[in-house]
Amino acid sequence: MNNKSFLKGSALTTLIALSASANALEKPQTMEDMWKIIQEQQKQIDSMKAQMAAAPQPAKTATATADGNVKSLERKTDVLSKEVEKLRTELVIPEEPKYKSAYGLGPAASKVYQVGKGLSIGGYGEANYQAIVGDEKGKKDNADFERLVLYAGYKFTDSILFNSEIEFEHGSTDDGGTVSVEFAALDFFIDPMANIRAGMVLLPMGFLNTIHEPPFYFGNNRPEVERQIIPSTWREIGVGLFGEILPNLTYTAYVVNGLNAADFTSDGIRSGRQKGSQAKAEDLAFVGRVDYAPEALPGLSVGGSAYAGNSGQNQDFGGQQVDAFTQLYEAHVQWKYRGLEFRTLGSWGHIDDADVLSAAKGQTIGSSNYGWYTEVGYDVLPLLVKDTTQYLAPFFRYEQFDTIAGTPTGFLDDETKDRQIYQFGLNYKPIPNVVIKADYRNFTAKKGNLPDDFNLGLGFIF
């Protein structure tokens, strides 16, 4: 090969390589990826210069052409380096994140897991109007900006990140609204099978305690079973492990501060949540969950969870100290197939020393409780409009629950707590991030009359 051919071949090879690198730069995944591309370009330029210097003196025209090519490539690399600096902030917060659940959290709450490094911001909100049907003297029609939530996360390294949720409820703190930390935890990634999470954690029970963003459940109101029996949103201070044991078999397990039995009522354990606010931790509890999504049945997932721990917190209940050992179990199935979405969940709980708690509280606290629901919806819009990206799903949900399924000895049952709910409605999404909802709920109780309600609202994530 003569000198002229050698230089032309080197220049052509470098141009092809740099062109491929430039194409790769069009859709960089992380800042580190972009810097690697630029470093590779610089290595190729240095190599080309070295080849030119080592070669015998070629014809002037060939030398000038090759030298010009090198200078042109150097200018391009310099321009790309400056563009990287300009894009640094945009890459830390991706403009077009893929909304996908990760490590048991909601899609918007999972954004921090997608960034290469640095800050991640997300959130969701929901507002609704409720009309009460069949109750002229009791509960009134109302409108509420129910919640506005901000997710803030920071990825320190590939193995350590922080994630949090700050929630503003009911528009203002002037009339029953609150500002709360829903979760705030550090994740330490060690191995796909075993990673550590510590801080204020969401207890991994049910569908909605961990994934409660409005576009991802039917209706304006969360299922009552996942409010009264599983007290969503349920968070406590804790530490534990999460990971994937086998392909598609995931788990989460925490040790957390226990519930506070002094705040249990006839409506269940919901008021016993301590929410990480100066929480009593004389008694600790364990909570664990497993989920399996078989590859043979795409869209199907099955799982269950369990909570167990004392709730007495070394307190006095009418002159006695009791453990008030509290248990809660649930199992769930979800199937998403094309436009079909199906869910069912059942939960059962038990409270020891319910008789002592009832006497101290002056009301019947159930020694056991249960609830279950099933729901189905179908996106009908693809049947009406070809190739649409919008979503319109009519749905139906049935719930049954009783917070006093078991009555402690010496106390009377409250049959108004034994309830059923029939609910039907529509979810419409003009884009995946925004949902408009309408639904009607029919309530019945074993004893007493309960009003129905009609709900209209909207929700969004970002």
Protein backbone atom coordinates (compact mmCIF):
# COMPACT_ATOMS: atom_id res chain seq x y z
CA MET A 1 0.00 0.00 0.00
CA ASN A 2 1.51 3.44 -0.98
CA ASN A 3 1.57 6.43 1.38
CA LYS A 4 -1.35 8.19 -0.28
CA SER A 5 -3.60 5.13 -0.06
CA PHE A 6 -2.54 4.57 3.55
CA LEU A 7 -3.56 8.09 4.62
CA LYS A 8 -6.85 8.01 2.72
CA GLY A 9 -7.70 4.63 4.24
CA SER A 10 -6.94 5.89 7.74
CA ALA A 11 -9.07 8.99 7.26
CA LEU A 12 -11.97 6.96 5.87
CA THR A 13 -11.81 4.49 8.77
CA THR A 14 -11.80 7.31 11.30
CA LEU A 15 -14.68 9.11 9.58
CA ILE A 16 -16.81 5.94 9.63
CA ALA A 17 -16.04 5.33 13.31
CA LEU A 18 -16.79 8.92 14.28
CA SER A 19 -19.98 8.91 12.25
CA ALA A 20 -21.14 5.84 14.18
CA SER A 21 -20.24 7.56 17.45
CA ALA A 22 -22.15 10.69 16.45
CA ASN A 23 -25.22 8.58 15.64
CA ALA A 24 -24.93 6.91 19.03
CA LEU A 25 -24.90 10.37 20.60
CA GLU A 26 -28.33 11.20 19.20
CA LYS A 27 -30.06 9.20 21.92
CA PRO A 28 -27.60 8.97 24.86
CA GLN A 29 -28.83 7.14 27.91
CA THR A 30 -26.60 8.77 30.52
CA MET A 31 -24.01 11.51 30.81
CA GLU A 32 -21.34 8.84 31.26
CA ASP A 33 -22.29 7.34 27.88
CA MET A 34 -21.81 10.69 26.16
CA TRP A 35 -18.38 11.25 27.69
CA LYS A 36 -17.30 7.75 26.63
CA ILE A 37 -18.25 8.56 23.03
CA ILE A 38 -16.20 11.77 23.06
CA GLN A 39 -13.20 10.05 24.66
CA GLU A 40 -13.33 7.36 21.99
CA GLN A 41 -13.39 10.02 19.28
CA GLN A 42 -10.33 11.70 20.76
CA LYS A 43 -8.45 8.40 20.85
CA GLN A 44 -9.20 7.84 17.18
CA ILE A 45 -7.98 11.33 16.27
CA ASP A 46 -4.76 10.82 18.25
CA SER A 47 -4.25 7.48 16.52
CA MET A 48 -4.69 9.05 13.10
CA LYS A 49 -2.16 11.79 13.92
CA ALA A 50 0.34 9.17 15.04
CA GLN A 51 -0.13 7.22 11.80
CA MET A 52 0.47 10.37 9.77
CA ALA A 53 3.61 11.23 11.71
CA ALA A 54 5.08 7.72 11.38
CA ALA A 55 4.38 7.37 7.65
CA PRO A 56 7.03 8.31 5.01
CA GLN A 57 6.59 11.80 3.59
CA PRO A 58 3.65 11.51 1.12
CA ALA A 59 2.61 13.79 -1.63
CA LYS A 60 1.73 17.32 -0.42
CA THR A 61 -1.85 17.08 -1.66
CA ALA A 62 -2.51 13.86 0.27
CA THR A 63 -0.86 15.31 3.40
CA ALA A 64 -2.95 18.47 3.22
CA THR A 65 -6.17 16.48 2.70
CA ALA A 66 -5.51 14.14 5.62
CA ASP A 67 -4.46 17.02 7.87
CA GLY A 68 -7.62 18.88 6.94
CA ASN A 69 -9.71 15.84 7.80
CA VAL A 70 -8.07 15.59 11.22
CA LYS A 71 -8.68 19.28 11.99
CA SER A 72 -12.29 18.96 10.88
CA LEU A 73 -12.81 15.98 13.17
CA GLU A 74 -11.16 17.84 16.05
CA ARG A 75 -13.60 20.74 15.58
CA LYS A 76 -16.56 18.31 15.58
CA THR A 77 -15.34 16.68 18.78
CA ASP A 78 -14.94 20.10 20.42
CA VAL A 79 -18.50 21.02 19.42
CA LEU A 80 -19.82 17.74 20.82
CA SER A 81 -17.98 18.35 24.11
CA LYS A 82 -19.67 21.73 24.48
CA GLU A 83 -23.06 20.22 23.70
CA VAL A 84 -22.53 17.67 26.45
CA GLU A 85 -22.05 20.47 28.95
CA LYS A 86 -25.27 22.13 27.76
CA LEU A 87 -27.20 18.87 28.04
CA ARG A 88 -25.94 17.97 31.52
CA THR A 89 -29.03 19.22 33.38
CA GLU A 90 -31.43 17.78 30.80
CA LEU A 91 -29.87 14.34 31.14
CA VAL A 92 -30.06 14.39 34.93
CA ILE A 93 -33.83 14.90 34.60
CA PRO A 94 -34.89 12.99 31.45
CA GLU A 95 -37.38 14.83 29.24
CA GLU A 96 -39.15 11.66 28.14
CA PRO A 97 -38.98 9.12 30.97
CA LYS A 98 -40.52 5.72 30.55
CA TYR A 99 -43.25 5.45 33.15
CA LYS A 100 -42.67 1.98 34.50
CA SER A 101 -42.94 0.61 38.01
CA ALA A 102 -39.62 -0.37 39.60
CA TYR A 103 -38.80 -2.09 42.89
CA GLY A 104 -42.38 -2.03 44.11
CA LEU A 105 -43.04 1.70 43.59
CA GLY A 106 -45.41 3.57 41.29
CA PRO A 107 -44.28 4.56 37.78
CA ALA A 108 -43.83 8.26 38.60
CA ALA A 109 -42.10 7.38 41.87
CA SER A 110 -39.69 5.15 39.92
CA LYS A 111 -38.14 7.93 37.81
CA VAL A 112 -35.02 8.16 39.97
CA TYR A 113 -34.11 4.59 39.03
CA GLN A 114 -33.83 5.63 35.36
CA VAL A 115 -31.36 8.50 35.71
CA GLY A 116 -27.62 7.97 35.40
CA LYS A 117 -26.81 10.21 38.34
CA GLY A 118 -28.18 13.21 40.17
CA LEU A 119 -31.61 14.68 40.78
CA SER A 120 -34.99 13.34 39.72
CA ILE A 121 -38.32 15.16 40.11
CA GLY A 122 -41.79 13.70 39.60
CA GLY A 123 -45.23 13.75 41.11
CA TYR A 124 -48.97 13.29 40.80
CA GLY A 125 -52.20 14.96 41.74
CA GLU A 126 -55.94 14.33 41.86
CA ALA A 127 -59.10 16.35 42.38
CA ASN A 128 -62.73 15.27 42.51
CA TYR A 129 -66.34 16.29 42.97
CA GLN A 130 -68.66 14.06 45.01
CA ALA A 131 -72.45 14.18 44.99
CA ILE A 132 -74.19 12.35 47.84
CA VAL A 133 -77.26 10.39 46.77
CA GLY A 134 -80.11 9.60 49.20
CA ASP A 135 -78.93 11.52 52.28
CA GLU A 136 -80.45 14.98 52.65
CA LYS A 137 -79.43 15.58 56.29
CA GLY A 138 -76.08 13.87 56.59
CA LYS A 139 -73.00 14.12 54.42
CA LYS A 140 -73.10 16.95 51.87
CA ASP A 141 -71.91 17.24 48.29
CA ASN A 142 -68.28 18.30 48.21
CA ALA A 143 -65.36 19.20 45.95
CA ASP A 144 -61.78 18.49 46.97
CA PHE A 145 -58.28 18.82 45.59
CA GLU A 146 -57.56 15.59 47.35
CA ARG A 147 -53.80 15.49 47.02
CA LEU A 148 -50.78 16.95 45.27
CA VAL A 149 -47.63 14.89 45.57
CA LEU A 150 -44.01 15.65 44.75
CA TYR A 151 -41.41 12.94 44.29
CA ALA A 152 -37.81 13.98 44.84
CA GLY A 153 -35.00 11.50 44.39
CA TYR A 154 -31.24 11.68 44.13
CA LYS A 155 -28.94 9.05 42.68
CA PHE A 156 -25.58 9.42 44.41
CA THR A 157 -23.93 6.46 42.69
CA ASP A 158 -25.00 3.38 40.75
CA SER A 159 -25.44 1.58 44.09
CA ILE A 160 -26.85 4.28 46.43
CA LEU A 161 -29.92 6.44 45.89
CA PHE A 162 -32.52 8.37 47.88
CA ASN A 163 -36.21 8.54 47.03
CA SER A 164 -39.06 10.40 48.71
CA GLU A 165 -42.71 11.44 48.45
CA ILE A 166 -44.09 14.67 49.95
CA GLU A 167 -47.89 14.87 49.99
CA PHE A 168 -50.16 17.91 50.31
CA GLU A 169 -53.70 16.78 51.14
CA HIS A 170 -57.01 18.63 50.68
CA GLY A 171 -55.56 21.83 49.24
CA SER A 172 -54.68 23.54 52.53
CA THR A 173 -53.82 22.90 56.17
CA ASP A 174 -56.56 25.41 57.17
CA ASP A 175 -59.44 22.94 57.01
CA GLY A 176 -58.28 19.42 57.73
CA GLY A 177 -55.51 19.30 55.12
CA THR A 178 -52.04 18.04 55.92
CA VAL A 179 -48.49 18.04 54.60
CA SER A 180 -46.80 14.67 55.14
CA VAL A 181 -43.80 12.62 54.20
CA GLU A 182 -45.32 9.54 52.56
CA PHE A 183 -41.97 7.81 52.19
CA ALA A 184 -38.31 8.78 52.36
CA ALA A 185 -35.72 6.03 52.11
CA LEU A 186 -32.21 5.17 51.02
CA ASP A 187 -31.69 2.21 48.70
CA PHE A 188 -28.38 0.33 48.71
CA PHE A 189 -27.99 -1.94 45.68
CA ILE A 190 -25.78 -4.88 46.51
CA ASP A 191 -26.98 -7.82 44.43
CA PRO A 192 -30.12 -8.42 42.31
CA MET A 193 -31.19 -10.98 44.92
CA ALA A 194 -30.64 -8.83 48.02
CA ASN A 195 -30.68 -5.04 48.31
CA ILE A 196 -31.24 -2.84 51.37
CA ARG A 197 -33.85 -0.13 51.93
CA ALA A 198 -33.97 1.99 55.10
CA GLY A 199 -35.97 5.00 56.27
CA MET A 200 -39.67 5.79 56.04
CA VAL A 201 -40.94 2.89 53.94
CA LEU A 202 -44.28 1.99 52.39
CA LEU A 203 -45.45 -1.34 53.75
CA PRO A 204 -45.63 -3.76 50.80
CA MET A 205 -49.23 -4.89 51.20
CA GLY A 206 -51.98 -4.98 48.59
CA PHE A 207 -52.05 -3.21 45.24
CA LEU A 208 -52.43 0.43 46.25
CA ASN A 209 -50.24 0.93 49.29
CA THR A 210 -47.15 1.05 47.09
CA ILE A 211 -48.66 1.98 43.70
CA HIS A 212 -51.38 4.56 44.32
CA GLU A 213 -50.98 7.03 41.46
CA PRO A 214 -54.41 7.93 39.98
CA PRO A 215 -53.92 6.75 36.35
CA PHE A 216 -53.24 3.22 37.61
CA TYR A 217 -56.43 2.33 39.47
CA PHE A 218 -60.11 2.50 38.61
CA GLY A 219 -62.44 5.05 40.17
CA ASN A 220 -61.96 8.32 42.00
CA ASN A 221 -61.79 6.61 45.39
CA ARG A 222 -59.37 3.85 46.28
CA PRO A 223 -61.05 0.53 47.16
CA GLU A 224 -62.40 0.64 50.72
CA VAL A 225 -60.88 -2.78 51.43
CA GLU A 226 -57.49 -1.17 50.83
CA ARG A 227 -58.37 1.65 53.21
CA GLN A 228 -60.29 -0.01 56.03
CA ILE A 229 -58.68 -3.47 56.17
CA ILE A 230 -55.28 -2.70 54.61
CA PRO A 231 -54.84 0.86 55.92
CA SER A 232 -53.39 2.48 52.78
CA THR A 233 -51.40 4.63 52.62
CA TRP A 234 -49.45 2.81 55.33
CA ARG A 235 -45.88 3.84 56.05
CA GLU A 236 -43.57 3.38 59.02
CA ILE A 237 -39.89 3.68 59.95
CA GLY A 238 -38.03 0.51 59.03
CA VAL A 239 -35.23 -1.34 57.31
CA GLY A 240 -35.23 -4.43 55.16
CA LEU A 241 -34.37 -6.27 51.98
CA PHE A 242 -35.81 -6.41 48.47
CA GLY A 243 -34.81 -8.21 45.32
CA GLU A 244 -35.49 -10.92 42.76
CA ILE A 245 -34.98 -14.46 44.03
CA LEU A 246 -35.62 -16.15 40.68
CA PRO A 247 -36.60 -14.71 37.29
CA ASN A 248 -39.92 -12.84 37.80
CA LEU A 249 -40.10 -13.87 41.48
CA THR A 250 -39.62 -10.75 43.63
CA TYR A 251 -39.81 -10.13 47.36
CA THR A 252 -39.75 -7.29 49.90
CA ALA A 253 -39.29 -7.71 53.67
CA TYR A 254 -38.97 -5.07 56.39
CA VAL A 255 -38.72 -4.74 60.15
CA VAL A 256 -40.71 -1.64 61.15
CA ASN A 257 -42.04 0.05 64.27
CA GLY A 258 -45.30 -1.58 65.31
CA LEU A 259 -48.82 -0.15 65.26
CA ASN A 260 -50.21 1.73 68.26
CA ALA A 261 -53.16 -0.24 69.66
CA ALA A 262 -54.27 2.75 71.75
CA ASP A 263 -55.62 4.25 68.53
CA PHE A 264 -57.48 1.17 67.23
CA THR A 265 -61.23 1.73 66.81
CA SER A 266 -64.32 -0.14 65.68
CA ASP A 267 -63.34 0.96 62.15
CA GLY A 268 -60.20 -1.18 62.37
CA ILE A 269 -56.47 -0.62 62.68
CA ARG A 270 -56.22 2.39 60.35
CA SER A 271 -55.86 4.99 63.13
CA GLY A 272 -53.10 2.88 64.69
CA ARG A 273 -50.64 3.85 61.94
CA GLN A 274 -47.83 5.96 63.40
CA LYS A 275 -46.61 7.43 60.08
CA GLY A 276 -43.05 7.94 61.31
CA SER A 277 -44.07 10.86 63.55
CA GLN A 278 -42.33 10.37 66.91
CA ALA A 279 -43.42 6.75 66.56
CA LYS A 280 -43.51 4.49 69.59
CA ALA A 281 -41.09 1.63 68.93
CA GLU A 282 -41.29 -0.46 72.09
CA ASP A 283 -42.81 -3.10 69.83
CA LEU A 284 -41.53 -3.89 66.36
CA ALA A 285 -43.26 -5.74 63.53
CA PHE A 286 -42.36 -7.75 60.44
CA VAL A 287 -43.90 -7.34 57.01
CA GLY A 288 -43.06 -9.36 53.92
CA ARG A 289 -44.32 -9.80 50.38
CA VAL A 290 -43.70 -12.02 47.35
CA ASP A 291 -44.92 -11.64 43.75
CA TYR A 292 -44.58 -13.90 40.74
CA ALA A 293 -45.21 -13.04 37.08
CA PRO A 294 -44.97 -16.24 35.00
CA GLU A 295 -43.51 -15.77 31.53
CA ALA A 296 -45.94 -18.34 30.14
CA LEU A 297 -48.87 -16.01 30.91
CA PRO A 298 -47.94 -12.44 29.96
CA GLY A 299 -49.65 -9.78 32.05
CA LEU A 300 -50.44 -12.13 34.94
CA SER A 301 -49.04 -11.62 38.43
CA VAL A 302 -49.91 -13.37 41.69
CA GLY A 303 -48.68 -12.68 45.18
CA GLY A 304 -49.31 -12.20 48.84
CA SER A 305 -48.08 -10.41 51.94
CA ALA A 306 -48.13 -10.72 55.72
CA TYR A 307 -47.78 -8.36 58.67
CA ALA A 308 -47.23 -9.49 62.26
CA GLY A 309 -46.17 -7.69 65.44
CA ASN A 310 -47.20 -6.52 68.89
CA SER A 311 -49.07 -3.21 69.10
CA GLY A 312 -49.30 -2.64 72.86
CA GLN A 313 -46.15 -0.47 72.94
CA ASN A 314 -45.83 -1.01 76.73
CA GLN A 315 -48.88 1.18 77.39
CA ASP A 316 -51.56 0.92 80.04
CA PHE A 317 -55.04 -0.17 78.92
CA GLY A 318 -57.48 0.20 81.80
CA GLY A 319 -54.84 -0.87 84.31
CA GLN A 320 -53.40 -3.67 82.16
CA GLN A 321 -50.48 -3.99 79.81
CA VAL A 322 -51.08 -6.30 76.86
CA ASP A 323 -49.15 -7.31 73.75
CA ALA A 324 -52.10 -6.73 71.39
CA PHE A 325 -50.39 -8.99 68.85
CA THR A 326 -51.69 -7.87 65.44
CA GLN A 327 -51.73 -9.91 62.26
CA LEU A 328 -52.77 -9.02 58.73
CA TYR A 329 -52.55 -11.19 55.61
CA GLU A 330 -53.53 -10.63 51.99
CA ALA A 331 -53.37 -12.43 48.64
CA HIS A 332 -53.86 -10.88 45.23
CA VAL A 333 -54.08 -11.67 41.52
CA GLN A 334 -53.79 -9.25 38.61
CA TRP A 335 -54.10 -9.93 34.89
CA LYS A 336 -53.62 -7.41 32.11
CA TYR A 337 -54.21 -8.80 28.64
CA ARG A 338 -54.54 -6.44 25.71
CA GLY A 339 -57.40 -4.12 26.74
CA LEU A 340 -58.52 -6.28 29.68
CA GLU A 341 -57.59 -5.43 33.28
CA PHE A 342 -58.63 -7.72 36.11
CA ARG A 343 -57.81 -7.58 39.82
CA THR A 344 -58.90 -9.45 42.89
CA LEU A 345 -57.63 -9.19 46.46
CA GLY A 346 -58.58 -10.75 49.78
CA SER A 347 -57.35 -9.79 53.26
CA TRP A 348 -57.83 -11.13 56.80
CA GLY A 349 -56.61 -9.75 60.14
CA HIS A 350 -56.61 -10.67 63.83
CA ILE A 351 -56.01 -8.64 67.01
CA ASP A 352 -55.15 -10.33 70.32
CA ASP A 353 -56.46 -8.81 73.57
CA ALA A 354 -59.29 -7.10 71.70
CA ASP A 355 -61.48 -7.38 74.83
CA VAL A 356 -59.01 -5.33 76.91
CA LEU A 357 -58.63 -2.78 74.12
CA SER A 358 -62.43 -2.52 73.71
CA ALA A 359 -62.97 -1.93 77.43
CA ALA A 360 -60.29 0.78 77.52
CA LYS A 361 -61.60 2.44 74.37
CA GLY A 362 -65.30 2.22 75.22
CA GLN A 363 -66.22 0.67 71.85
CA THR A 364 -66.06 -2.75 70.25
CA ILE A 365 -62.75 -3.40 68.57
CA GLY A 366 -62.93 -6.46 66.37
CA SER A 367 -60.79 -9.44 67.30
CA SER A 368 -60.77 -10.25 63.58
CA ASN A 369 -61.56 -8.43 60.37
CA TYR A 370 -61.70 -9.28 56.69
CA GLY A 371 -62.32 -7.78 53.27
CA TRP A 372 -62.13 -8.69 49.63
CA TYR A 373 -62.84 -7.12 46.27
CA THR A 374 -62.74 -7.92 42.61
CA GLU A 375 -62.77 -5.55 39.63
CA VAL A 376 -62.66 -5.74 35.87
CA GLY A 377 -62.29 -3.12 33.16
CA TYR A 378 -61.76 -3.12 29.41
CA ASP A 379 -60.29 -0.49 27.10
CA VAL A 380 -62.95 -0.23 24.39
CA LEU A 381 -61.44 2.65 22.42
CA PRO A 382 -59.25 0.48 20.11
CA LEU A 383 -62.46 -1.25 19.05
CA LEU A 384 -63.92 2.09 17.98
CA VAL A 385 -60.87 4.05 16.74
CA LYS A 386 -58.07 2.29 14.89
CA ASP A 387 -54.48 2.89 16.05
CA THR A 388 -55.55 5.26 18.83
CA THR A 389 -53.20 5.99 21.73
CA GLN A 390 -56.06 7.15 23.94
CA TYR A 391 -57.78 4.96 26.53
CA LEU A 392 -61.42 4.54 27.57
CA ALA A 393 -62.32 1.77 29.98
CA PRO A 394 -65.68 1.08 31.60
CA PHE A 395 -65.16 -0.88 34.83
CA PHE A 396 -67.01 -2.67 37.62
CA ARG A 397 -65.86 -3.32 41.19
CA TYR A 398 -67.46 -5.30 44.01
CA GLU A 399 -66.26 -5.03 47.63
CA GLN A 400 -67.22 -6.72 50.87
CA PHE A 401 -65.59 -6.06 54.25
CA ASP A 402 -66.22 -6.13 57.98
CA THR A 403 -63.94 -4.48 60.55
CA ILE A 404 -65.67 -6.44 63.36
CA ALA A 405 -65.83 -9.89 61.80
CA GLY A 406 -64.92 -11.35 65.19
CA THR A 407 -66.40 -9.90 68.41
CA PRO A 408 -64.45 -10.14 71.69
CA THR A 409 -66.20 -11.88 74.56
CA GLY A 410 -68.55 -9.59 76.46
CA PHE A 411 -68.99 -7.05 73.68
CA LEU A 412 -71.67 -6.51 71.05
CA ASP A 413 -71.12 -6.63 67.33
CA ASP A 414 -71.67 -3.46 65.31
CA GLU A 415 -73.38 -4.69 62.16
CA THR A 416 -73.10 -1.28 60.47
CA LYS A 417 -69.44 -2.18 59.88
CA ASP A 418 -70.38 -5.20 57.75
CA ARG A 419 -70.62 -3.59 54.30
CA GLN A 420 -70.84 -4.20 50.58
CA ILE A 421 -70.09 -1.78 47.73
CA TYR A 422 -71.13 -2.05 44.09
CA GLN A 423 -69.24 0.40 41.90
CA PHE A 424 -69.20 1.08 38.18
CA GLY A 425 -67.69 3.87 36.10
CA LEU A 426 -65.36 5.06 33.34
CA ASN A 427 -61.66 5.90 33.15
CA TYR A 428 -60.57 8.04 30.17
CA LYS A 429 -56.93 8.85 29.36
CA PRO A 430 -56.30 11.33 26.52
CA ILE A 431 -52.60 10.63 27.15
CA PRO A 432 -51.09 8.02 29.50
CA ASN A 433 -50.16 10.69 32.08
CA VAL A 434 -53.67 12.13 32.50
CA VAL A 435 -56.91 10.44 33.55
CA ILE A 436 -60.51 11.67 33.82
CA LYS A 437 -62.80 9.50 35.94
CA ALA A 438 -66.51 9.14 36.65
CA ASP A 439 -68.11 6.49 38.87
CA TYR A 440 -71.11 5.62 41.01
CA ARG A 441 -70.94 3.68 44.31
CA ASN A 442 -73.84 1.85 45.93
CA PHE A 443 -73.31 1.10 49.66
CA THR A 444 -75.21 -1.44 51.73
CA ALA A 445 -74.68 -2.55 55.33
CA LYS A 446 -76.01 -5.49 57.33
CA LYS A 447 -77.68 -2.95 59.58
CA GLY A 448 -78.56 0.67 58.85
CA ASN A 449 -78.73 2.74 55.68
CA LEU A 450 -75.77 4.25 53.88
CA PRO A 451 -76.01 6.88 51.12
CA ASP A 452 -74.67 6.25 47.63
CA ASP A 453 -72.33 8.68 45.91
CA PHE A 454 -71.46 9.87 42.40
CA ASN A 455 -67.85 10.92 41.79
CA LEU A 456 -66.24 12.91 38.99
CA GLY A 457 -62.55 13.75 38.98
CA LEU A 458 -59.19 13.94 37.30
CA GLY A 459 -55.65 12.83 38.00
CA PHE A 460 -52.19 13.14 36.50
CA ILE A 461 -48.57 12.09 36.91
CA PHE A 462 -45.37 13.72 35.73
